[in-house]
Amino acid sequence: MNLVSASLFAALVAVTLMITAWASKRNKSAADHYVAGGSLTGRQNGVAIAGDFISAASFLGVTGAIALTGFNGFYLAVFVPVAFVLAMLLIAEPLRNLGRFTLADVLATRFPGKDVRSMMALSTVVISVVYLVSQLVGAALLVSLLFDLDYAVAVLIIGTLTTAYTLVGGMLATSWIQIIKTGLLMVCAVVLFVLVLVRFDFNPFGPFSTALAEFGQSFVAPQRTSGTASFDQLSQTVGLVLGVLGLPHVMIRFLTVPDARQARTSAYTAIWIFFAFYLLVPVLGYGAAKLVGVEVIKSENRGGNLAVAQLAETVGGGVLLAFVAAVAFVTILAALSGLVIATSGAIAHDLYGQVIRNGSVSAKAQHRAARVATVATCVIGVAIAFAAQKQNVAFLASLGMSIAACANLPALLLTMYWKRMTARAVISGIVVGLVLSITVILLSPVVQGPDSILGFSNPALAVAPLSLAVSVVVALMSAPSGETKARADRLFSVMRIRALTGQTETENDDTMAATR
């Protein structure tokens, strides 16, 4: 069994290394490293975006959550397609037209000061590290299960591989690894789906009927909750839907395509893949609960993160277990690389290149800074992952999305769509969103245990409205007047032209003149 596992792992890792070696020849500049030089097509990028979500959080965490908690675990995934519909309508095209490498670049088109860029860069780092930890935990658990390695050793191995991929191949390698592994992961999901249905006489409702008979009504229908539990569940849903629109490693993917039309294509390609994948997940989750057993799943990992691997072994034996685990492992490596690129971009491009060096930095120096930031990001992620072994990876990912909904989303939307938004309001909203959301998490039962001060763990529903309200109030209080207001209005008009058309105001005037 170890030989089969090792062979499959080695084969897939070898493929990814070949892709990385190919991409390294094209990874020569900061643009190549951060956004693949804008060379991806919309469909390619859409598949890569889907790969960012169909990773540890979905394939491992959501399936495990359904196996342990029933239908309520499906809330961790069912709203992802909804989130990307909103992204397509509100974010994708303006972000592609306004951004260069990072989310801070988008805000800087209207508020070019250092303070705004610094706060968005800090928010990007915090959110990406939280999400990074969820992926590291999932990958380490897989490796430790298959090869009987200590969890800490597995985390170190994965951290080393992620560092190597990102340093050498950049975003181009990451994107193509995501594209290939998304296809492989869909194959895994379909194979598991069919093998589970075999155990239920090819009745797609068999797993649900069996779960109903064995575990009761609450396991196959939304569970009625009250008080803080109900609030926490709704907050998690809000965080999932809105948080996607502020996730740095997902949003910067819209910068890897050449124009806004391709950005829109990216979004709806990802949506169709999400719909296809998440139709299969409930059957896998309920199948694992019945065929593997809830207590057996908990005994291997309290968060249920290994339910898919245990299901694969139950229905397909050691070979299928090895194949599913190997594909999931490569899936997580690619997601990790994308997260590291988003974080290193915020550090090297925003903080170092634009804030510390005032934009006076060569492309070579910035590329070098990005590589240093890559190593630092991986070290920090590995250190935190050591303490997060027992947490459900889908829950950890949902916390990252909730922080994004609280800190990043109000700043992005109000900057792009509200004429009266100010730089001071952007900074205030991000600070409130970051500080309060992290405070809620630190005081929640997840960290403090049953005796925690707060009865809920997800900050989105409580903090996001506060962040939005603070942003609006501060914007109204700090509204400019006179000549300053005229300049601000002019800058907003220029930004809107660029957001809608991809052209600067001068280019738009030239186009109109040529049309006449």
Protein backbone atom coordinates (compact mmCIF):
# COMPACT_ATOMS: atom_id res chain seq x y z
CA MET A 1 0.00 0.00 0.00
CA ASN A 2 2.80 2.42 0.88
CA LEU A 3 4.45 1.60 -2.43
CA VAL A 4 1.26 2.41 -4.35
CA SER A 5 0.78 5.63 -2.40
CA ALA A 6 4.37 6.67 -2.86
CA SER A 7 4.25 5.93 -6.59
CA LEU A 8 1.08 7.97 -7.16
CA PHE A 9 2.35 10.84 -5.05
CA ALA A 10 5.69 10.79 -6.84
CA ALA A 11 4.03 10.73 -10.27
CA LEU A 12 1.76 13.70 -9.58
CA VAL A 13 4.51 15.68 -7.85
CA ALA A 14 6.76 14.98 -10.85
CA VAL A 15 4.08 16.39 -13.19
CA THR A 16 3.78 19.52 -11.09
CA LEU A 17 7.55 19.93 -11.04
CA MET A 18 7.64 19.64 -14.82
CA ILE A 19 4.98 22.38 -15.07
CA THR A 20 6.98 24.50 -12.64
CA ALA A 21 10.16 24.03 -14.65
CA TRP A 22 8.32 25.05 -17.82
CA ALA A 23 6.82 28.10 -16.12
CA SER A 24 10.16 29.13 -14.61
CA LYS A 25 11.42 30.03 -18.08
CA ARG A 26 8.58 32.54 -18.34
CA ASN A 27 8.68 33.77 -14.75
CA LYS A 28 11.12 36.61 -15.36
CA SER A 29 9.35 39.70 -14.00
CA ALA A 30 7.12 40.87 -11.18
CA ALA A 31 4.10 40.78 -13.54
CA ASP A 32 4.87 37.16 -14.42
CA HIS A 33 5.26 36.22 -10.76
CA TYR A 34 2.12 37.95 -9.45
CA VAL A 35 -0.42 37.62 -12.30
CA ALA A 36 1.15 35.34 -14.95
CA GLY A 37 1.71 38.39 -17.14
CA GLY A 38 -2.06 38.54 -17.82
CA SER A 39 -1.65 35.69 -20.30
CA LEU A 40 -4.47 33.31 -19.26
CA THR A 41 -7.74 33.01 -21.15
CA GLY A 42 -11.03 33.42 -19.33
CA ARG A 43 -11.83 29.71 -19.40
CA GLN A 44 -8.37 28.73 -18.20
CA ASN A 45 -8.59 31.21 -15.38
CA GLY A 46 -12.11 30.08 -14.50
CA VAL A 47 -10.95 26.50 -14.05
CA ALA A 48 -8.03 27.74 -11.94
CA ILE A 49 -10.39 29.83 -9.79
CA ALA A 50 -12.58 26.78 -9.25
CA GLY A 51 -9.46 24.91 -8.19
CA ASP A 52 -8.81 27.47 -5.48
CA PHE A 53 -12.13 26.54 -3.84
CA ILE A 54 -12.41 22.85 -4.66
CA SER A 55 -9.45 22.17 -2.40
CA ALA A 56 -8.98 21.19 1.22
CA ALA A 57 -11.86 23.37 2.36
CA SER A 58 -14.42 21.76 0.00
CA PHE A 59 -13.17 18.29 -0.87
CA LEU A 60 -12.00 17.45 2.65
CA GLY A 61 -13.62 19.90 5.03
CA VAL A 62 -17.15 20.16 3.62
CA THR A 63 -17.51 16.43 3.02
CA GLY A 64 -16.29 15.80 6.56
CA ALA A 65 -18.66 18.42 7.98
CA ILE A 66 -21.63 16.80 6.21
CA ALA A 67 -20.56 13.36 7.44
CA LEU A 68 -20.44 14.59 11.04
CA THR A 69 -23.21 17.18 11.23
CA GLY A 70 -25.52 16.33 8.33
CA PHE A 71 -27.17 18.93 6.13
CA ASN A 72 -25.88 21.87 8.14
CA GLY A 73 -22.36 21.03 7.00
CA PHE A 74 -23.46 21.74 3.42
CA TYR A 75 -23.84 25.43 4.30
CA LEU A 76 -20.05 25.60 4.12
CA ALA A 77 -20.23 25.18 0.34
CA VAL A 78 -23.70 25.69 -1.10
CA PHE A 79 -23.38 29.47 -1.23
CA VAL A 80 -20.06 29.56 -3.09
CA PRO A 81 -21.75 29.62 -6.55
CA VAL A 82 -23.97 32.45 -5.29
CA ALA A 83 -20.89 34.36 -4.21
CA PHE A 84 -19.37 34.08 -7.67
CA VAL A 85 -22.56 35.30 -9.31
CA LEU A 86 -22.15 38.43 -7.19
CA ALA A 87 -18.46 38.57 -8.08
CA MET A 88 -19.33 38.46 -11.78
CA LEU A 89 -21.91 41.24 -11.39
CA LEU A 90 -20.03 43.59 -9.04
CA ILE A 91 -16.32 42.92 -8.89
CA ALA A 92 -14.76 41.01 -11.77
CA GLU A 93 -14.71 43.59 -14.57
CA PRO A 94 -14.01 46.75 -12.53
CA LEU A 95 -11.27 44.97 -10.60
CA ARG A 96 -9.61 43.75 -13.80
CA ASN A 97 -9.71 47.25 -15.28
CA LEU A 98 -8.43 48.99 -12.17
CA GLY A 99 -5.92 46.54 -10.72
CA ARG A 100 -2.37 45.67 -11.57
CA PHE A 101 -0.97 43.10 -9.10
CA THR A 102 -2.91 43.45 -5.82
CA LEU A 103 -6.18 44.66 -4.28
CA ALA A 104 -4.32 47.70 -2.95
CA ASP A 105 -3.64 48.72 -6.56
CA VAL A 106 -7.41 48.92 -7.09
CA LEU A 107 -7.88 51.31 -4.16
CA ALA A 108 -4.82 53.31 -5.20
CA THR A 109 -6.43 54.31 -8.51
CA ARG A 110 -8.67 56.60 -6.45
CA PHE A 111 -6.73 57.01 -3.18
CA PRO A 112 -3.02 56.99 -4.04
CA GLY A 113 -1.75 57.71 -0.53
CA LYS A 114 0.46 55.32 1.41
CA ASP A 115 -1.98 54.86 4.31
CA VAL A 116 -4.74 53.29 2.20
CA ARG A 117 -2.30 50.98 0.43
CA SER A 118 -0.68 49.95 3.72
CA MET A 119 -3.99 49.05 5.37
CA MET A 120 -5.21 46.98 2.43
CA ALA A 121 -1.84 45.21 2.28
CA LEU A 122 -2.04 44.40 5.99
CA SER A 123 -5.58 43.09 5.60
CA THR A 124 -4.48 40.94 2.65
CA VAL A 125 -1.68 39.39 4.71
CA VAL A 126 -3.94 38.55 7.67
CA ILE A 127 -6.71 37.02 5.56
CA SER A 128 -4.36 35.04 3.35
CA VAL A 129 -2.46 33.58 6.32
CA VAL A 130 -5.71 32.39 7.96
CA TYR A 131 -6.79 30.72 4.72
CA LEU A 132 -3.28 29.38 4.19
CA VAL A 133 -3.41 27.56 7.52
CA SER A 134 -6.62 25.73 6.56
CA GLN A 135 -4.96 24.33 3.44
CA LEU A 136 -1.77 23.38 5.28
CA VAL A 137 -3.74 21.46 7.90
CA GLY A 138 -5.67 19.48 5.26
CA ALA A 139 -2.56 18.54 3.29
CA ALA A 140 -0.61 17.55 6.41
CA LEU A 141 -3.42 15.30 7.63
CA LEU A 142 -3.50 13.48 4.28
CA VAL A 143 0.24 12.90 4.21
CA SER A 144 0.37 11.79 7.83
CA LEU A 145 -2.51 9.33 7.21
CA LEU A 146 -0.97 7.70 4.15
CA PHE A 147 2.64 7.53 5.20
CA ASP A 148 2.29 7.29 8.98
CA LEU A 149 4.28 10.47 9.44
CA ASP A 150 4.11 12.78 12.40
CA TYR A 151 1.78 15.73 11.71
CA ALA A 152 4.53 18.30 12.30
CA VAL A 153 6.86 16.55 9.86
CA ALA A 154 4.12 16.51 7.22
CA VAL A 155 3.52 20.26 7.69
CA LEU A 156 7.24 20.95 7.19
CA ILE A 157 7.38 18.85 4.01
CA ILE A 158 4.37 20.61 2.52
CA GLY A 159 5.65 24.03 3.50
CA THR A 160 8.94 23.28 1.75
CA LEU A 161 7.23 22.10 -1.45
CA THR A 162 4.93 25.14 -1.51
CA THR A 163 7.90 27.46 -1.14
CA ALA A 164 9.70 25.78 -4.03
CA TYR A 165 6.68 25.91 -6.37
CA THR A 166 6.02 29.57 -5.69
CA LEU A 167 9.63 30.72 -5.86
CA VAL A 168 10.36 29.01 -9.14
CA GLY A 169 7.11 28.98 -11.12
CA GLY A 170 5.11 31.96 -9.84
CA MET A 171 1.47 32.47 -10.83
CA LEU A 172 1.80 30.81 -14.23
CA ALA A 173 2.88 27.49 -12.72
CA THR A 174 0.28 27.80 -9.98
CA SER A 175 -2.50 28.42 -12.51
CA TRP A 176 -1.66 25.47 -14.74
CA ILE A 177 -1.26 23.14 -11.77
CA GLN A 178 -4.70 24.32 -10.62
CA ILE A 179 -6.19 23.67 -14.06
CA ILE A 180 -4.85 20.11 -14.28
CA LYS A 181 -5.67 19.19 -10.71
CA THR A 182 -9.24 20.56 -11.02
CA GLY A 183 -9.82 18.05 -13.81
CA LEU A 184 -8.30 15.23 -11.75
CA LEU A 185 -10.29 16.18 -8.68
CA MET A 186 -13.55 16.16 -10.62
CA VAL A 187 -12.64 12.67 -11.83
CA CYS A 188 -12.04 11.60 -8.21
CA ALA A 189 -15.37 13.04 -7.11
CA VAL A 190 -17.27 11.30 -9.93
CA VAL A 191 -15.56 7.95 -9.25
CA LEU A 192 -16.38 8.17 -5.54
CA PHE A 193 -19.94 9.23 -6.37
CA VAL A 194 -20.47 6.19 -8.61
CA LEU A 195 -18.89 3.76 -6.13
CA VAL A 196 -21.05 5.11 -3.31
CA LEU A 197 -24.18 4.71 -5.46
CA VAL A 198 -23.16 1.08 -6.14
CA ARG A 199 -23.54 0.46 -2.40
CA PHE A 200 -27.06 1.89 -2.56
CA ASP A 201 -28.23 0.06 -5.72
CA PHE A 202 -27.61 3.16 -7.86
CA ASN A 203 -30.28 5.08 -6.01
CA PRO A 204 -29.03 8.69 -5.70
CA PHE A 205 -31.38 9.20 -2.75
CA GLY A 206 -30.17 6.05 -1.01
CA PRO A 207 -27.56 7.76 1.18
CA PHE A 208 -30.17 10.32 2.30
CA SER A 209 -32.81 7.68 3.08
CA THR A 210 -30.33 5.60 5.02
CA ALA A 211 -29.11 8.62 6.96
CA LEU A 212 -32.71 9.54 7.75
CA ALA A 213 -33.43 6.07 9.09
CA GLU A 214 -30.20 5.78 11.06
CA PHE A 215 -29.52 9.30 12.30
CA GLY A 216 -32.93 10.97 12.27
CA GLN A 217 -34.65 13.88 10.56
CA SER A 218 -32.19 16.48 11.81
CA PHE A 219 -29.33 14.84 9.89
CA VAL A 220 -30.88 15.25 6.42
CA ALA A 221 -32.65 18.58 6.83
CA PRO A 222 -31.60 22.00 8.07
CA GLN A 223 -31.38 21.78 11.85
CA ARG A 224 -33.42 24.24 13.81
CA THR A 225 -31.19 26.35 15.97
CA SER A 226 -31.83 29.24 18.30
CA GLY A 227 -29.95 31.93 20.11
CA THR A 228 -26.25 32.22 19.44
CA ALA A 229 -26.15 28.96 17.45
CA SER A 230 -28.64 30.34 14.94
CA PHE A 231 -26.77 33.64 14.81
CA ASP A 232 -23.48 31.82 14.22
CA GLN A 233 -24.93 29.77 11.37
CA LEU A 234 -26.38 32.81 9.63
CA SER A 235 -23.12 34.69 10.20
CA GLN A 236 -21.18 31.89 8.57
CA THR A 237 -23.48 32.01 5.53
CA VAL A 238 -23.06 35.77 5.20
CA GLY A 239 -19.30 35.39 5.52
CA LEU A 240 -19.19 32.78 2.78
CA VAL A 241 -21.29 34.74 0.30
CA LEU A 242 -19.69 38.14 0.84
CA GLY A 243 -16.23 37.01 1.86
CA VAL A 244 -15.41 35.51 -1.52
CA LEU A 245 -15.66 39.00 -3.02
CA GLY A 246 -12.89 40.19 -0.71
CA LEU A 247 -10.55 37.19 -0.73
CA PRO A 248 -7.21 38.47 -2.07
CA HIS A 249 -5.95 35.23 -3.61
CA VAL A 250 -9.22 34.78 -5.52
CA MET A 251 -9.75 38.38 -6.59
CA ILE A 252 -6.21 38.80 -7.96
CA ARG A 253 -6.94 35.92 -10.31
CA PHE A 254 -9.10 38.32 -12.31
CA LEU A 255 -5.85 40.17 -13.01
CA THR A 256 -4.31 37.17 -14.77
CA VAL A 257 -6.48 37.65 -17.89
CA PRO A 258 -5.92 40.29 -20.61
CA ASP A 259 -9.23 42.19 -20.39
CA ALA A 260 -12.56 42.62 -18.60
CA ARG A 261 -14.44 40.33 -20.99
CA GLN A 262 -12.12 37.45 -20.10
CA ALA A 263 -12.55 38.29 -16.41
CA ARG A 264 -16.32 37.86 -16.80
CA THR A 265 -15.75 34.57 -18.63
CA SER A 266 -13.56 33.44 -15.73
CA ALA A 267 -16.40 33.99 -13.27
CA TYR A 268 -19.12 32.09 -15.08
CA THR A 269 -16.77 29.23 -15.99
CA ALA A 270 -15.98 28.82 -12.29
CA ILE A 271 -19.69 28.96 -11.41
CA TRP A 272 -20.57 25.99 -13.65
CA ILE A 273 -17.76 23.91 -12.18
CA PHE A 274 -18.92 24.74 -8.65
CA PHE A 275 -22.48 23.67 -9.44
CA ALA A 276 -21.27 20.36 -10.87
CA PHE A 277 -18.97 19.60 -7.94
CA TYR A 278 -21.30 20.60 -5.11
CA LEU A 279 -24.08 18.41 -6.50
CA LEU A 280 -21.85 15.44 -5.71
CA VAL A 281 -20.64 16.50 -2.25
CA PRO A 282 -23.80 15.68 -0.20
CA VAL A 283 -23.87 12.11 -1.52
CA LEU A 284 -20.20 11.70 -0.57
CA GLY A 285 -20.78 13.16 2.89
CA TYR A 286 -23.83 11.03 3.71
CA GLY A 287 -22.15 8.03 2.12
CA ALA A 288 -19.16 8.47 4.42
CA ALA A 289 -21.45 8.79 7.47
CA LYS A 290 -23.11 5.45 6.65
CA LEU A 291 -20.32 3.41 5.05
CA VAL A 292 -17.43 4.58 7.24
CA GLY A 293 -19.30 5.57 10.38
CA VAL A 294 -19.43 8.83 12.27
CA GLU A 295 -17.45 7.55 15.22
CA VAL A 296 -14.78 6.03 12.99
CA ILE A 297 -14.41 9.35 11.17
CA LYS A 298 -14.11 11.23 14.47
CA SER A 299 -11.58 8.75 15.82
CA GLU A 300 -9.22 9.48 12.91
CA ASN A 301 -9.68 13.24 13.02
CA ARG A 302 -12.05 15.18 15.26
CA GLY A 303 -12.82 17.75 12.57
CA GLY A 304 -13.79 15.07 10.01
CA ASN A 305 -11.09 16.20 7.57
CA LEU A 306 -10.19 12.64 6.57
CA ALA A 307 -13.73 11.45 5.79
CA VAL A 308 -13.11 11.51 2.02
CA ALA A 309 -9.92 9.47 2.36
CA GLN A 310 -11.67 6.96 4.63
CA LEU A 311 -14.60 6.72 2.21
CA ALA A 312 -12.22 6.09 -0.70
CA GLU A 313 -10.57 3.24 1.18
CA THR A 314 -13.95 1.76 2.14
CA VAL A 315 -15.46 1.73 -1.37
CA GLY A 316 -12.33 1.35 -3.51
CA GLY A 317 -9.58 -0.09 -1.38
CA GLY A 318 -6.03 1.10 -0.89
CA VAL A 319 -5.41 2.05 -4.52
CA LEU A 320 -8.36 4.45 -4.65
CA LEU A 321 -7.37 5.85 -1.28
CA ALA A 322 -3.88 6.53 -2.61
CA PHE A 323 -5.20 8.14 -5.81
CA VAL A 324 -7.74 10.38 -4.05
CA ALA A 325 -5.21 11.42 -1.43
CA ALA A 326 -2.52 12.14 -4.02
CA VAL A 327 -4.87 14.31 -6.11
CA ALA A 328 -6.12 16.12 -2.99
CA PHE A 329 -2.51 16.69 -1.97
CA VAL A 330 -1.62 18.32 -5.29
CA THR A 331 -4.87 20.29 -5.08
CA ILE A 332 -3.81 21.78 -1.79
CA LEU A 333 -0.28 22.53 -2.96
CA ALA A 334 -1.64 24.61 -5.83
CA ALA A 335 -4.06 26.47 -3.54
CA LEU A 336 -1.22 27.14 -1.12
CA SER A 337 0.91 28.61 -3.89
CA GLY A 338 -1.85 31.02 -4.89
CA LEU A 339 -2.26 32.16 -1.30
CA VAL A 340 1.47 32.68 -0.90
CA ILE A 341 1.59 34.76 -4.10
CA ALA A 342 -1.23 37.01 -2.85
CA THR A 343 0.53 37.50 0.47
CA SER A 344 3.97 38.07 -0.99
CA GLY A 345 2.47 40.56 -3.47
CA ALA A 346 1.01 42.61 -0.61
CA ILE A 347 4.34 42.58 1.20
CA ALA A 348 6.76 43.05 -1.70
CA HIS A 349 4.73 45.14 -4.15
CA ASP A 350 2.61 47.23 -1.77
CA LEU A 351 4.55 47.59 1.47
CA TYR A 352 8.10 47.39 0.16
CA GLY A 353 7.82 48.72 -3.39
CA GLN A 354 5.16 51.42 -3.03
CA VAL A 355 5.20 52.42 0.66
CA ILE A 356 8.80 52.01 1.78
CA ARG A 357 10.50 52.72 -1.57
CA ASN A 358 7.88 55.21 -2.85
CA GLY A 359 7.57 53.29 -6.11
CA SER A 360 11.27 53.81 -6.87
CA VAL A 361 12.20 50.16 -7.14
CA SER A 362 13.36 48.20 -10.14
CA ALA A 363 11.40 45.23 -11.44
CA LYS A 364 14.34 42.99 -10.52
CA ALA A 365 14.45 44.28 -6.95
CA GLN A 366 10.71 43.86 -6.55
CA HIS A 367 10.89 40.32 -7.89
CA ARG A 368 13.63 39.58 -5.37
CA ALA A 369 11.55 41.09 -2.57
CA ALA A 370 8.60 38.90 -3.60
CA ARG A 371 10.74 35.80 -3.21
CA VAL A 372 11.90 36.85 0.26
CA ALA A 373 8.27 37.51 1.22
CA THR A 374 7.35 34.08 -0.12
CA VAL A 375 9.72 32.34 2.27
CA ALA A 376 8.54 34.47 5.20
CA THR A 377 4.87 33.72 4.44
CA CYS A 378 5.45 29.98 4.30
CA VAL A 379 7.36 30.03 7.60
CA ILE A 380 4.54 31.90 9.37
CA GLY A 381 1.86 29.62 7.90
CA VAL A 382 3.72 26.48 8.97
CA ALA A 383 4.17 27.83 12.51
CA ILE A 384 0.43 28.51 12.93
CA ALA A 385 -0.55 25.18 11.32
CA PHE A 386 1.25 23.33 14.12
CA ALA A 387 -1.43 24.55 16.56
CA ALA A 388 -4.47 24.06 14.27
CA GLN A 389 -4.35 20.29 13.71
CA LYS A 390 -7.75 19.54 15.29
CA GLN A 391 -9.79 22.26 13.56
CA ASN A 392 -12.08 21.50 10.62
CA VAL A 393 -10.38 22.97 7.57
CA ALA A 394 -13.64 24.19 6.04
CA PHE A 395 -14.36 26.11 9.24
CA LEU A 396 -10.89 27.67 9.20
CA ALA A 397 -11.40 28.72 5.59
CA SER A 398 -14.79 30.22 6.46
CA LEU A 399 -13.10 32.38 9.10
CA GLY A 400 -10.74 33.74 6.44
CA MET A 401 -13.73 34.55 4.22
CA SER A 402 -15.54 36.26 7.09
CA ILE A 403 -12.58 38.52 7.83
CA ALA A 404 -12.48 39.38 4.13
CA ALA A 405 -16.19 40.27 4.22
CA CYS A 406 -15.64 42.52 7.24
CA ALA A 407 -12.42 44.27 6.21
CA ASN A 408 -11.93 44.17 2.43
CA LEU A 409 -15.35 44.11 0.83
CA PRO A 410 -16.75 47.42 2.17
CA ALA A 411 -13.55 49.21 1.15
CA LEU A 412 -13.61 47.75 -2.38
CA LEU A 413 -17.30 48.31 -3.11
CA LEU A 414 -17.51 51.81 -1.67
CA THR A 415 -14.33 52.85 -3.46
CA MET A 416 -15.57 51.60 -6.82
CA TYR A 417 -19.21 52.70 -6.58
CA TRP A 418 -19.71 55.55 -4.07
CA LYS A 419 -18.74 59.06 -5.10
CA ARG A 420 -18.48 60.40 -1.51
CA MET A 421 -16.04 57.75 -0.26
CA THR A 422 -12.81 59.12 1.22
CA ALA A 423 -9.37 57.73 2.02
CA ARG A 424 -9.98 58.19 5.75
CA ALA A 425 -13.18 56.16 5.49
CA VAL A 426 -11.38 53.34 3.67
CA ILE A 427 -8.77 53.13 6.41
CA SER A 428 -11.36 53.31 9.20
CA GLY A 429 -13.50 50.56 7.68
CA ILE A 430 -10.56 48.20 7.20
CA VAL A 431 -9.26 48.80 10.74
CA VAL A 432 -12.68 48.21 12.30
CA GLY A 433 -13.26 45.10 10.19
CA LEU A 434 -9.88 43.57 10.97
CA VAL A 435 -9.70 44.39 14.67
CA LEU A 436 -13.27 43.44 15.57
CA SER A 437 -13.38 40.25 13.49
CA ILE A 438 -10.12 38.99 14.97
CA THR A 439 -11.34 39.95 18.46
CA VAL A 440 -14.55 37.97 17.96
CA ILE A 441 -12.59 34.91 16.85
CA LEU A 442 -10.16 35.15 19.80
CA LEU A 443 -13.05 35.43 22.30
CA SER A 444 -15.17 32.72 20.64
CA PRO A 445 -15.75 29.12 21.76
CA VAL A 446 -13.35 27.92 19.05
CA VAL A 447 -10.42 29.51 20.91
CA GLN A 448 -11.67 29.89 24.47
CA GLY A 449 -13.74 26.72 24.77
CA PRO A 450 -17.25 26.31 26.25
CA ASP A 451 -16.64 29.04 28.84
CA SER A 452 -15.90 31.71 26.26
CA ILE A 453 -17.20 35.27 26.61
CA LEU A 454 -19.01 35.07 23.27
CA GLY A 455 -21.42 32.34 22.26
CA PHE A 456 -20.63 32.52 18.54
CA SER A 457 -17.47 32.08 16.49
CA ASN A 458 -18.04 33.65 13.09
CA PRO A 459 -17.73 37.45 13.01
CA ALA A 460 -19.29 38.30 9.62
CA LEU A 461 -22.87 39.12 10.61
CA ALA A 462 -21.84 41.19 13.62
CA VAL A 463 -18.79 42.99 12.24
CA ALA A 464 -19.42 43.53 8.50
CA PRO A 465 -22.39 45.90 9.06
CA LEU A 466 -20.33 47.82 11.63
CA SER A 467 -17.42 48.14 9.23
CA LEU A 468 -19.76 49.37 6.49
CA ALA A 469 -21.49 51.83 8.84
CA VAL A 470 -18.20 53.22 10.12
CA SER A 471 -16.98 53.67 6.54
CA VAL A 472 -20.11 55.59 5.56
CA VAL A 473 -20.13 57.79 8.69
CA VAL A 474 -16.43 58.64 8.42
CA ALA A 475 -16.84 59.38 4.69
CA LEU A 476 -19.66 61.83 5.41
CA MET A 477 -17.72 63.45 8.25
CA SER A 478 -14.51 63.79 6.23
CA ALA A 479 -16.12 64.89 2.97
CA PRO A 480 -13.93 67.46 1.18
CA SER A 481 -15.16 70.87 0.08
CA GLY A 482 -14.23 73.57 -2.41
CA GLU A 483 -11.36 72.82 -4.76
CA THR A 484 -10.50 69.66 -2.87
CA LYS A 485 -14.01 68.32 -3.52
CA ALA A 486 -13.74 69.22 -7.20
CA ARG A 487 -10.48 67.30 -7.50
CA ALA A 488 -11.98 64.31 -5.66
CA ASP A 489 -15.03 64.30 -7.93
CA ARG A 490 -12.79 64.51 -10.98
CA LEU A 491 -10.68 61.59 -9.73
CA PHE A 492 -13.81 59.52 -9.12
CA SER A 493 -15.01 60.22 -12.68
CA VAL A 494 -11.67 59.14 -14.12
CA MET A 495 -11.73 55.99 -11.98
CA ARG A 496 -15.27 55.11 -13.09
CA ILE A 497 -14.38 55.51 -16.76
CA ARG A 498 -11.45 53.19 -16.30
CA ALA A 499 -13.50 50.70 -14.24
CA LEU A 500 -16.20 50.47 -16.89
CA THR A 501 -14.13 50.61 -20.07
CA GLY A 502 -10.56 49.80 -19.11
CA GLN A 503 -9.49 53.13 -20.56
CA THR A 504 -8.11 56.22 -18.90
CA GLU A 505 -10.06 59.45 -19.42
CA THR A 506 -7.58 60.60 -22.08
CA GLU A 507 -7.87 57.32 -23.96
CA ASN A 508 -11.66 57.54 -23.77
CA ASP A 509 -11.63 61.08 -25.18
CA ASP A 510 -9.41 59.89 -28.05
CA THR A 511 -11.78 56.99 -28.75
CA MET A 512 -14.81 59.29 -28.83
CA ALA A 513 -13.03 61.72 -31.14
CA ALA A 514 -12.10 58.90 -33.52
CA THR A 515 -15.73 57.70 -33.49
CA ARG A 516 -16.99 61.13 -34.44
